[in-house]
mmCIF file of all heavy atoms, coordinates in Angstrom:
data_MODEL
# 
_entry.id   MODEL 
# 
loop_
_atom_site.group_PDB 
_atom_site.id 
_atom_site.type_symbol 
_atom_site.label_atom_id 
_atom_site.label_alt_id 
_atom_site.label_comp_id 
_atom_site.label_asym_id 
_atom_site.label_entity_id 
_atom_site.label_seq_id 
_atom_site.pdbx_PDB_ins_code 
_atom_site.Cartn_x 
_atom_site.Cartn_y 
_atom_site.Cartn_z 
_atom_site.occupancy 
_atom_site.B_iso_or_equiv 
_atom_site.pdbx_formal_charge 
_atom_site.auth_seq_id 
_atom_site.auth_comp_id 
_atom_site.auth_asym_id 
_atom_site.auth_atom_id 
_atom_site.pdbx_PDB_model_num 
ATOM 1   N N   . ALA A 1 1  ? 0.815  -1.192  -0.039 1.00 0.00 ? 1  ALA A N   1 
ATOM 2   C CA  . ALA A 1 1  ? 0.037  -0.026  -0.050 1.00 0.00 ? 1  ALA A CA  1 
ATOM 3   C C   . ALA A 1 1  ? 0.897  1.240   0.003  1.00 0.00 ? 1  ALA A C   1 
ATOM 4   O O   . ALA A 1 1  ? 0.561  2.259   -0.641 1.00 0.00 ? 1  ALA A O   1 
ATOM 5   C CB  . ALA A 1 1  ? -0.881 -0.004  1.185  1.00 0.00 ? 1  ALA A CB  1 
ATOM 6   N N   . LEU A 1 2  ? 1.982  1.221   0.708  1.00 0.00 ? 2  LEU A N   1 
ATOM 7   C CA  . LEU A 1 2  ? 2.852  2.335   0.883  1.00 0.00 ? 2  LEU A CA  1 
ATOM 8   C C   . LEU A 1 2  ? 3.520  2.610   -0.538 1.00 0.00 ? 2  LEU A C   1 
ATOM 9   O O   . LEU A 1 2  ? 3.896  3.758   -0.763 1.00 0.00 ? 2  LEU A O   1 
ATOM 10  C CB  . LEU A 1 2  ? 3.946  2.087   1.802  1.00 0.00 ? 2  LEU A CB  1 
ATOM 11  C CG  . LEU A 1 2  ? 4.612  3.242   2.563  1.00 0.00 ? 2  LEU A CG  1 
ATOM 12  C CD1 . LEU A 1 2  ? 3.690  4.215   3.247  1.00 0.00 ? 2  LEU A CD1 1 
ATOM 13  C CD2 . LEU A 1 2  ? 5.624  2.813   3.611  1.00 0.00 ? 2  LEU A CD2 1 
ATOM 14  N N   . SER A 1 3  ? 3.692  1.572   -1.328 1.00 0.00 ? 3  SER A N   1 
ATOM 15  C CA  . SER A 1 3  ? 4.395  1.755   -2.635 1.00 0.00 ? 3  SER A CA  1 
ATOM 16  C C   . SER A 1 3  ? 3.719  2.676   -3.515 1.00 0.00 ? 3  SER A C   1 
ATOM 17  O O   . SER A 1 3  ? 4.127  3.101   -4.626 1.00 0.00 ? 3  SER A O   1 
ATOM 18  C CB  . SER A 1 3  ? 4.660  0.426   -3.233 1.00 0.00 ? 3  SER A CB  1 
ATOM 19  O OG  . SER A 1 3  ? 3.384  -0.204  -3.710 1.00 0.00 ? 3  SER A OG  1 
ATOM 20  N N   . LYS A 1 4  ? 2.430  2.897   -3.202 1.00 0.00 ? 4  LYS A N   1 
ATOM 21  C CA  . LYS A 1 4  ? 1.587  3.768   -4.149 1.00 0.00 ? 4  LYS A CA  1 
ATOM 22  C C   . LYS A 1 4  ? 1.571  5.170   -3.647 1.00 0.00 ? 4  LYS A C   1 
ATOM 23  O O   . LYS A 1 4  ? 0.840  6.103   -4.308 1.00 0.00 ? 4  LYS A O   1 
ATOM 24  C CB  . LYS A 1 4  ? 0.149  3.298   -4.077 1.00 0.00 ? 4  LYS A CB  1 
ATOM 25  C CG  . LYS A 1 4  ? -0.009 1.812   -4.549 1.00 0.00 ? 4  LYS A CG  1 
ATOM 26  C CD  . LYS A 1 4  ? -1.453 1.319   -4.347 1.00 0.00 ? 4  LYS A CD  1 
ATOM 27  C CE  . LYS A 1 4  ? -1.560 -0.119  -4.704 1.00 0.00 ? 4  LYS A CE  1 
ATOM 28  N NZ  . LYS A 1 4  ? -2.916 -0.710  -4.493 1.00 0.00 ? 4  LYS A NZ  1 
ATOM 29  N N   . ASP A 1 5  ? 2.299  5.524   -2.686 1.00 0.00 ? 5  ASP A N   1 
ATOM 30  C CA  . ASP A 1 5  ? 2.280  6.936   -2.039 1.00 0.00 ? 5  ASP A CA  1 
ATOM 31  C C   . ASP A 1 5  ? 3.467  7.762   -2.333 1.00 0.00 ? 5  ASP A C   1 
ATOM 32  O O   . ASP A 1 5  ? 3.633  8.794   -1.704 1.00 0.00 ? 5  ASP A O   1 
ATOM 33  C CB  . ASP A 1 5  ? 2.106  6.862   -0.460 1.00 0.00 ? 5  ASP A CB  1 
ATOM 34  C CG  . ASP A 1 5  ? 0.730  6.155   -0.114 1.00 0.00 ? 5  ASP A CG  1 
ATOM 35  O OD1 . ASP A 1 5  ? -0.110 6.216   -0.949 1.00 0.00 ? 5  ASP A OD1 1 
ATOM 36  O OD2 . ASP A 1 5  ? 0.703  5.580   1.024  1.00 0.00 ? 5  ASP A OD2 1 
ATOM 37  N N   . ASN A 1 6  ? 4.353  7.260   -3.323 1.00 0.00 ? 6  ASN A N   1 
ATOM 38  C CA  . ASN A 1 6  ? 5.554  8.122   -3.586 1.00 0.00 ? 6  ASN A CA  1 
ATOM 39  C C   . ASN A 1 6  ? 6.376  8.514   -2.377 1.00 0.00 ? 6  ASN A C   1 
ATOM 40  O O   . ASN A 1 6  ? 6.577  9.787   -2.245 1.00 0.00 ? 6  ASN A O   1 
ATOM 41  C CB  . ASN A 1 6  ? 5.123  9.336   -4.465 1.00 0.00 ? 6  ASN A CB  1 
ATOM 42  C CG  . ASN A 1 6  ? 4.361  8.958   -5.732 1.00 0.00 ? 6  ASN A CG  1 
ATOM 43  O OD1 . ASN A 1 6  ? 4.829  8.124   -6.452 1.00 0.00 ? 6  ASN A OD1 1 
ATOM 44  N ND2 . ASN A 1 6  ? 3.186  9.682   -5.904 1.00 0.00 ? 6  ASN A ND2 1 
ATOM 45  N N   . VAL A 1 7  ? 6.870  7.572   -1.658 1.00 0.00 ? 7  VAL A N   1 
ATOM 46  C CA  . VAL A 1 7  ? 7.517  7.927   -0.343 1.00 0.00 ? 7  VAL A CA  1 
ATOM 47  C C   . VAL A 1 7  ? 8.983  7.984   -0.538 1.00 0.00 ? 7  VAL A C   1 
ATOM 48  O O   . VAL A 1 7  ? 9.728  8.508   0.372  1.00 0.00 ? 7  VAL A O   1 
ATOM 49  C CB  . VAL A 1 7  ? 7.246  6.798   0.698  1.00 0.00 ? 7  VAL A CB  1 
ATOM 50  C CG1 . VAL A 1 7  ? 5.808  6.755   1.074  1.00 0.00 ? 7  VAL A CG1 1 
ATOM 51  C CG2 . VAL A 1 7  ? 7.676  5.402   0.177  1.00 0.00 ? 7  VAL A CG2 1 
ATOM 52  N N   . ASN A 1 8  ? 9.578  7.632   -1.694 1.00 0.00 ? 8  ASN A N   1 
ATOM 53  C CA  . ASN A 1 8  ? 11.026 7.756   -1.927 1.00 0.00 ? 8  ASN A CA  1 
ATOM 54  C C   . ASN A 1 8  ? 11.924 7.083   -0.825 1.00 0.00 ? 8  ASN A C   1 
ATOM 55  O O   . ASN A 1 8  ? 12.723 7.749   -0.237 1.00 0.00 ? 8  ASN A O   1 
ATOM 56  C CB  . ASN A 1 8  ? 11.402 9.200   -2.093 1.00 0.00 ? 8  ASN A CB  1 
ATOM 57  C CG  . ASN A 1 8  ? 10.782 9.768   -3.308 1.00 0.00 ? 8  ASN A CG  1 
ATOM 58  O OD1 . ASN A 1 8  ? 10.622 9.135   -4.413 1.00 0.00 ? 8  ASN A OD1 1 
ATOM 59  N ND2 . ASN A 1 8  ? 10.273 11.016  -3.235 1.00 0.00 ? 8  ASN A ND2 1 
ATOM 60  N N   . MET A 1 9  ? 11.613 5.903   -0.557 1.00 0.00 ? 9  MET A N   1 
ATOM 61  C CA  . MET A 1 9  ? 12.318 5.140   0.415  1.00 0.00 ? 9  MET A CA  1 
ATOM 62  C C   . MET A 1 9  ? 13.786 4.935   0.099  1.00 0.00 ? 9  MET A C   1 
ATOM 63  O O   . MET A 1 9  ? 14.135 4.746   -1.053 1.00 0.00 ? 9  MET A O   1 
ATOM 64  C CB  . MET A 1 9  ? 11.698 3.735   0.674  1.00 0.00 ? 9  MET A CB  1 
ATOM 65  C CG  . MET A 1 9  ? 12.376 2.877   1.675  1.00 0.00 ? 9  MET A CG  1 
ATOM 66  S SD  . MET A 1 9  ? 11.659 1.115   1.705  1.00 0.00 ? 9  MET A SD  1 
ATOM 67  C CE  . MET A 1 9  ? 10.131 1.488   2.566  1.00 0.00 ? 9  MET A CE  1 
ATOM 68  N N   . LYS A 1 10 ? 14.642 5.026   1.080  1.00 0.00 ? 10 LYS A N   1 
ATOM 69  C CA  . LYS A 1 10 ? 16.063 4.769   0.859  1.00 0.00 ? 10 LYS A CA  1 
ATOM 70  C C   . LYS A 1 10 ? 16.448 3.255   0.806  1.00 0.00 ? 10 LYS A C   1 
ATOM 71  O O   . LYS A 1 10 ? 15.691 2.458   1.443  1.00 0.00 ? 10 LYS A O   1 
ATOM 72  C CB  . LYS A 1 10 ? 16.885 5.326   1.963  1.00 0.00 ? 10 LYS A CB  1 
ATOM 73  C CG  . LYS A 1 10 ? 16.911 6.845   2.063  1.00 0.00 ? 10 LYS A CG  1 
ATOM 74  C CD  . LYS A 1 10 ? 17.662 7.428   3.199  1.00 0.00 ? 10 LYS A CD  1 
ATOM 75  C CE  . LYS A 1 10 ? 17.579 8.850   3.360  1.00 0.00 ? 10 LYS A CE  1 
ATOM 76  N NZ  . LYS A 1 10 ? 18.418 9.385   4.568  1.00 0.00 ? 10 LYS A NZ  1 
ATOM 77  N N   . VAL A 1 11 ? 17.331 2.901   -0.012 1.00 0.00 ? 11 VAL A N   1 
ATOM 78  C CA  . VAL A 1 11 ? 17.684 1.360   -0.131 1.00 0.00 ? 11 VAL A CA  1 
ATOM 79  C C   . VAL A 1 11 ? 18.142 0.873   1.190  1.00 0.00 ? 11 VAL A C   1 
ATOM 80  O O   . VAL A 1 11 ? 17.796 -0.258  1.522  1.00 0.00 ? 11 VAL A O   1 
ATOM 81  C CB  . VAL A 1 11 ? 18.694 1.231   -1.226 1.00 0.00 ? 11 VAL A CB  1 
ATOM 82  C CG1 . VAL A 1 11 ? 19.078 -0.285  -1.266 1.00 0.00 ? 11 VAL A CG1 1 
ATOM 83  C CG2 . VAL A 1 11 ? 18.292 1.695   -2.560 1.00 0.00 ? 11 VAL A CG2 1 
ATOM 84  N N   . SER A 1 12 ? 18.751 1.730   1.928  1.00 0.00 ? 12 SER A N   1 
ATOM 85  C CA  . SER A 1 12 ? 19.186 1.273   3.376  1.00 0.00 ? 12 SER A CA  1 
ATOM 86  C C   . SER A 1 12 ? 18.017 0.890   4.302  1.00 0.00 ? 12 SER A C   1 
ATOM 87  O O   . SER A 1 12 ? 17.998 -0.037  5.014  1.00 0.00 ? 12 SER A O   1 
ATOM 88  C CB  . SER A 1 12 ? 20.073 2.279   3.990  1.00 0.00 ? 12 SER A CB  1 
ATOM 89  O OG  . SER A 1 12 ? 19.286 3.581   4.112  1.00 0.00 ? 12 SER A OG  1 
ATOM 90  N N   . THR A 1 13 ? 16.850 1.567   4.049  1.00 0.00 ? 13 THR A N   1 
ATOM 91  C CA  . THR A 1 13 ? 15.678 1.252   4.786  1.00 0.00 ? 13 THR A CA  1 
ATOM 92  C C   . THR A 1 13 ? 15.018 -0.050  4.060  1.00 0.00 ? 13 THR A C   1 
ATOM 93  O O   . THR A 1 13 ? 14.543 -0.963  4.895  1.00 0.00 ? 13 THR A O   1 
ATOM 94  C CB  . THR A 1 13 ? 14.609 2.354   4.615  1.00 0.00 ? 13 THR A CB  1 
ATOM 95  O OG1 . THR A 1 13 ? 15.206 3.547   5.210  1.00 0.00 ? 13 THR A OG1 1 
ATOM 96  C CG2 . THR A 1 13 ? 13.276 2.022   5.315  1.00 0.00 ? 13 THR A CG2 1 
ATOM 97  N N   . LEU A 1 14 ? 15.112 -0.225  2.800  1.00 0.00 ? 14 LEU A N   1 
ATOM 98  C CA  . LEU A 1 14 ? 14.538 -1.368  2.172  1.00 0.00 ? 14 LEU A CA  1 
ATOM 99  C C   . LEU A 1 14 ? 15.211 -2.694  2.753  1.00 0.00 ? 14 LEU A C   1 
ATOM 100 O O   . LEU A 1 14 ? 14.592 -3.681  2.936  1.00 0.00 ? 14 LEU A O   1 
ATOM 101 C CB  . LEU A 1 14 ? 14.761 -1.262  0.659  1.00 0.00 ? 14 LEU A CB  1 
ATOM 102 C CG  . LEU A 1 14 ? 14.134 -2.334  -0.168 1.00 0.00 ? 14 LEU A CG  1 
ATOM 103 C CD1 . LEU A 1 14 ? 12.633 -2.189  -0.252 1.00 0.00 ? 14 LEU A CD1 1 
ATOM 104 C CD2 . LEU A 1 14 ? 14.635 -2.346  -1.600 1.00 0.00 ? 14 LEU A CD2 1 
ATOM 105 N N   . MET A 1 15 ? 16.549 -2.501  2.960  1.00 0.00 ? 15 MET A N   1 
ATOM 106 C CA  . MET A 1 15 ? 17.313 -3.659  3.461  1.00 0.00 ? 15 MET A CA  1 
ATOM 107 C C   . MET A 1 15 ? 16.998 -4.132  4.795  1.00 0.00 ? 15 MET A C   1 
ATOM 108 O O   . MET A 1 15 ? 17.215 -5.254  5.194  1.00 0.00 ? 15 MET A O   1 
ATOM 109 C CB  . MET A 1 15 ? 18.791 -3.387  3.264  1.00 0.00 ? 15 MET A CB  1 
ATOM 110 C CG  . MET A 1 15 ? 19.315 -3.186  1.819  1.00 0.00 ? 15 MET A CG  1 
ATOM 111 S SD  . MET A 1 15 ? 21.062 -3.130  1.719  1.00 0.00 ? 15 MET A SD  1 
ATOM 112 C CE  . MET A 1 15 ? 21.636 -4.681  2.310  1.00 0.00 ? 15 MET A CE  1 
ATOM 113 N N   . LYS A 1 16 ? 16.426 -3.182  5.566  1.00 0.00 ? 16 LYS A N   1 
ATOM 114 C CA  . LYS A 1 16 ? 16.082 -3.484  6.982  1.00 0.00 ? 16 LYS A CA  1 
ATOM 115 C C   . LYS A 1 16 ? 14.555 -3.948  7.178  1.00 0.00 ? 16 LYS A C   1 
ATOM 116 O O   . LYS A 1 16 ? 14.191 -4.108  8.269  1.00 0.00 ? 16 LYS A O   1 
ATOM 117 C CB  . LYS A 1 16 ? 16.223 -2.253  7.826  1.00 0.00 ? 16 LYS A CB  1 
ATOM 118 C CG  . LYS A 1 16 ? 17.746 -1.838  7.855  1.00 0.00 ? 16 LYS A CG  1 
ATOM 119 C CD  . LYS A 1 16 ? 17.887 -0.478  8.614  1.00 0.00 ? 16 LYS A CD  1 
ATOM 120 C CE  . LYS A 1 16 ? 19.305 -0.048  8.702  1.00 0.00 ? 16 LYS A CE  1 
ATOM 121 N NZ  . LYS A 1 16 ? 19.508 1.250   9.375  1.00 0.00 ? 16 LYS A NZ  1 
ATOM 122 N N   . LEU A 1 17 ? 13.837 -4.176  5.994  1.00 0.00 ? 17 LEU A N   1 
ATOM 123 C CA  . LEU A 1 17 ? 12.550 -4.645  6.141  1.00 0.00 ? 17 LEU A CA  1 
ATOM 124 C C   . LEU A 1 17 ? 12.533 -6.022  6.547  1.00 0.00 ? 17 LEU A C   1 
ATOM 125 O O   . LEU A 1 17 ? 13.484 -6.791  6.481  1.00 0.00 ? 17 LEU A O   1 
ATOM 126 C CB  . LEU A 1 17 ? 11.901 -4.444  4.784  1.00 0.00 ? 17 LEU A CB  1 
ATOM 127 C CG  . LEU A 1 17 ? 11.636 -3.094  4.262  1.00 0.00 ? 17 LEU A CG  1 
ATOM 128 C CD1 . LEU A 1 17 ? 10.963 -3.099  2.894  1.00 0.00 ? 17 LEU A CD1 1 
ATOM 129 C CD2 . LEU A 1 17 ? 10.885 -2.157  5.200  1.00 0.00 ? 17 LEU A CD2 1 
ATOM 130 N N   . ARG A 1 18 ? 11.395 -6.459  7.112  1.00 0.00 ? 18 ARG A N   1 
ATOM 131 C CA  . ARG A 1 18 ? 11.153 -7.908  7.403  1.00 0.00 ? 18 ARG A CA  1 
ATOM 132 C C   . ARG A 1 18 ? 11.514 -8.777  6.175  1.00 0.00 ? 18 ARG A C   1 
ATOM 133 O O   . ARG A 1 18 ? 11.012 -8.332  5.006  1.00 0.00 ? 18 ARG A O   1 
ATOM 134 C CB  . ARG A 1 18 ? 9.707  -8.219  7.871  1.00 0.00 ? 18 ARG A CB  1 
ATOM 135 C CG  . ARG A 1 18 ? 9.607  -8.145  9.328  1.00 0.00 ? 18 ARG A CG  1 
ATOM 136 C CD  . ARG A 1 18 ? 8.232  -8.194  9.831  1.00 0.00 ? 18 ARG A CD  1 
ATOM 137 N NE  . ARG A 1 18 ? 7.326  -9.115  9.060  1.00 0.00 ? 18 ARG A NE  1 
ATOM 138 C CZ  . ARG A 1 18 ? 6.109  -9.441  9.326  1.00 0.00 ? 18 ARG A CZ  1 
ATOM 139 N NH1 . ARG A 1 18 ? 5.460  -8.752  10.338 1.00 0.00 ? 18 ARG A NH1 1 
ATOM 140 N NH2 . ARG A 1 18 ? 5.331  -10.269 8.603  1.00 0.00 ? 18 ARG A NH2 1 
ATOM 141 N N   . ARG A 1 19 ? 12.224 -9.780  6.305  1.00 0.00 ? 19 ARG A N   1 
ATOM 142 C CA  . ARG A 1 19 ? 12.598 -10.625 5.106  1.00 0.00 ? 19 ARG A CA  1 
ATOM 143 C C   . ARG A 1 19 ? 11.402 -11.123 4.376  1.00 0.00 ? 19 ARG A C   1 
ATOM 144 O O   . ARG A 1 19 ? 11.354 -10.980 3.145  1.00 0.00 ? 19 ARG A O   1 
ATOM 145 C CB  . ARG A 1 19 ? 13.467 -11.740 5.545  1.00 0.00 ? 19 ARG A CB  1 
ATOM 146 C CG  . ARG A 1 19 ? 14.063 -12.569 4.400  1.00 0.00 ? 19 ARG A CG  1 
ATOM 147 C CD  . ARG A 1 19 ? 14.878 -13.632 4.911  1.00 0.00 ? 19 ARG A CD  1 
ATOM 148 N NE  . ARG A 1 19 ? 15.523 -14.416 3.817  1.00 0.00 ? 19 ARG A NE  1 
ATOM 149 C CZ  . ARG A 1 19 ? 16.610 -14.092 3.157  1.00 0.00 ? 19 ARG A CZ  1 
ATOM 150 N NH1 . ARG A 1 19 ? 17.302 -12.999 3.548  1.00 0.00 ? 19 ARG A NH1 1 
ATOM 151 N NH2 . ARG A 1 19 ? 17.088 -14.781 2.122  1.00 0.00 ? 19 ARG A NH2 1 
ATOM 152 N N   . ASP A 1 20 ? 10.455 -11.655 5.023  1.00 0.00 ? 20 ASP A N   1 
ATOM 153 C CA  . ASP A 1 20 ? 9.211  -12.236 4.341  1.00 0.00 ? 20 ASP A CA  1 
ATOM 154 C C   . ASP A 1 20 ? 8.482  -11.090 3.699  1.00 0.00 ? 20 ASP A C   1 
ATOM 155 O O   . ASP A 1 20 ? 7.807  -11.323 2.518  1.00 0.00 ? 20 ASP A O   1 
ATOM 156 C CB  . ASP A 1 20 ? 8.348  -12.949 5.337  1.00 0.00 ? 20 ASP A CB  1 
ATOM 157 C CG  . ASP A 1 20 ? 7.733  -12.005 6.537  1.00 0.00 ? 20 ASP A CG  1 
ATOM 158 O OD1 . ASP A 1 20 ? 8.519  -11.127 6.944  1.00 0.00 ? 20 ASP A OD1 1 
ATOM 159 O OD2 . ASP A 1 20 ? 6.693  -12.187 6.913  1.00 0.00 ? 20 ASP A OD2 1 
ATOM 160 N N   . SER A 1 21 ? 8.438  -9.854  4.243  1.00 0.00 ? 21 SER A N   1 
ATOM 161 C CA  . SER A 1 21 ? 7.765  -8.810  3.620  1.00 0.00 ? 21 SER A CA  1 
ATOM 162 C C   . SER A 1 21 ? 8.515  -8.359  2.395  1.00 0.00 ? 21 SER A C   1 
ATOM 163 O O   . SER A 1 21 ? 7.848  -8.024  1.386  1.00 0.00 ? 21 SER A O   1 
ATOM 164 C CB  . SER A 1 21 ? 7.697  -7.543  4.653  1.00 0.00 ? 21 SER A CB  1 
ATOM 165 O OG  . SER A 1 21 ? 6.976  -7.839  5.786  1.00 0.00 ? 21 SER A OG  1 
ATOM 166 N N   . LEU A 1 22 ? 9.834  -8.200  2.439  1.00 0.00 ? 22 LEU A N   1 
ATOM 167 C CA  . LEU A 1 22 ? 10.654 -7.859  1.216  1.00 0.00 ? 22 LEU A CA  1 
ATOM 168 C C   . LEU A 1 22 ? 10.419 -8.846  0.083  1.00 0.00 ? 22 LEU A C   1 
ATOM 169 O O   . LEU A 1 22 ? 10.171 -8.447  -1.082 1.00 0.00 ? 22 LEU A O   1 
ATOM 170 C CB  . LEU A 1 22 ? 12.039 -7.665  1.578  1.00 0.00 ? 22 LEU A CB  1 
ATOM 171 C CG  . LEU A 1 22 ? 13.078 -7.452  0.442  1.00 0.00 ? 22 LEU A CG  1 
ATOM 172 C CD1 . LEU A 1 22 ? 12.673 -6.135  -0.306 1.00 0.00 ? 22 LEU A CD1 1 
ATOM 173 C CD2 . LEU A 1 22 ? 14.469 -7.445  0.826  1.00 0.00 ? 22 LEU A CD2 1 
ATOM 174 N N   . MET A 1 23 ? 10.413 -10.067 0.454  1.00 0.00 ? 23 MET A N   1 
ATOM 175 C CA  . MET A 1 23 ? 10.314 -11.114 -0.615 1.00 0.00 ? 23 MET A CA  1 
ATOM 176 C C   . MET A 1 23 ? 8.962  -11.238 -1.233 1.00 0.00 ? 23 MET A C   1 
ATOM 177 O O   . MET A 1 23 ? 8.801  -11.700 -2.275 1.00 0.00 ? 23 MET A O   1 
ATOM 178 C CB  . MET A 1 23 ? 10.654 -12.538 -0.020 1.00 0.00 ? 23 MET A CB  1 
ATOM 179 C CG  . MET A 1 23 ? 12.110 -12.602 0.560  1.00 0.00 ? 23 MET A CG  1 
ATOM 180 S SD  . MET A 1 23 ? 13.384 -12.185 -0.716 1.00 0.00 ? 23 MET A SD  1 
ATOM 181 C CE  . MET A 1 23 ? 14.765 -11.919 0.353  1.00 0.00 ? 23 MET A CE  1 
ATOM 182 N N   . SER A 1 24 ? 8.007  -10.561 -0.651 1.00 0.00 ? 24 SER A N   1 
ATOM 183 C CA  . SER A 1 24 ? 6.622  -10.588 -1.195 1.00 0.00 ? 24 SER A CA  1 
ATOM 184 C C   . SER A 1 24 ? 6.382  -9.477  -2.146 1.00 0.00 ? 24 SER A C   1 
ATOM 185 O O   . SER A 1 24 ? 5.346  -9.469  -2.911 1.00 0.00 ? 24 SER A O   1 
ATOM 186 C CB  . SER A 1 24 ? 5.610  -10.467 -0.126 1.00 0.00 ? 24 SER A CB  1 
ATOM 187 O OG  . SER A 1 24 ? 5.589  -9.174  0.605  1.00 0.00 ? 24 SER A OG  1 
ATOM 188 N N   . LEU A 1 25 ? 7.344  -8.560  -2.270 1.00 0.00 ? 25 LEU A N   1 
ATOM 189 C CA  . LEU A 1 25 ? 7.219  -7.399  -3.121 1.00 0.00 ? 25 LEU A CA  1 
ATOM 190 C C   . LEU A 1 25 ? 7.572  -7.734  -4.513 1.00 0.00 ? 25 LEU A C   1 
ATOM 191 O O   . LEU A 1 25 ? 8.645  -8.456  -4.789 1.00 0.00 ? 25 LEU A O   1 
ATOM 192 C CB  . LEU A 1 25 ? 7.981  -6.210  -2.550 1.00 0.00 ? 25 LEU A CB  1 
ATOM 193 C CG  . LEU A 1 25 ? 7.680  -5.736  -1.137 1.00 0.00 ? 25 LEU A CG  1 
ATOM 194 C CD1 . LEU A 1 25 ? 8.724  -4.638  -0.766 1.00 0.00 ? 25 LEU A CD1 1 
ATOM 195 C CD2 . LEU A 1 25 ? 6.316  -5.208  -1.175 1.00 0.00 ? 25 LEU A CD2 1 
ATOM 196 N N   . THR A 1 26 ? 6.893  -7.207  -5.449 1.00 0.00 ? 26 THR A N   1 
ATOM 197 C CA  . THR A 1 26 ? 7.165  -7.331  -6.915 1.00 0.00 ? 26 THR A CA  1 
ATOM 198 C C   . THR A 1 26 ? 8.150  -6.210  -7.281 1.00 0.00 ? 26 THR A C   1 
ATOM 199 O O   . THR A 1 26 ? 8.286  -5.178  -6.569 1.00 0.00 ? 26 THR A O   1 
ATOM 200 C CB  . THR A 1 26 ? 5.884  -7.222  -7.836 1.00 0.00 ? 26 THR A CB  1 
ATOM 201 O OG1 . THR A 1 26 ? 5.425  -5.853  -7.627 1.00 0.00 ? 26 THR A OG1 1 
ATOM 202 C CG2 . THR A 1 26 ? 4.960  -8.217  -7.365 1.00 0.00 ? 26 THR A CG2 1 
# 
């Protein structure tokens, strides 16, 4: 849902996401 909000996340934040959550993203 957040991916639709133009949040401009840093890659360093992406790497700290829950592993199962990251793997579920397209």
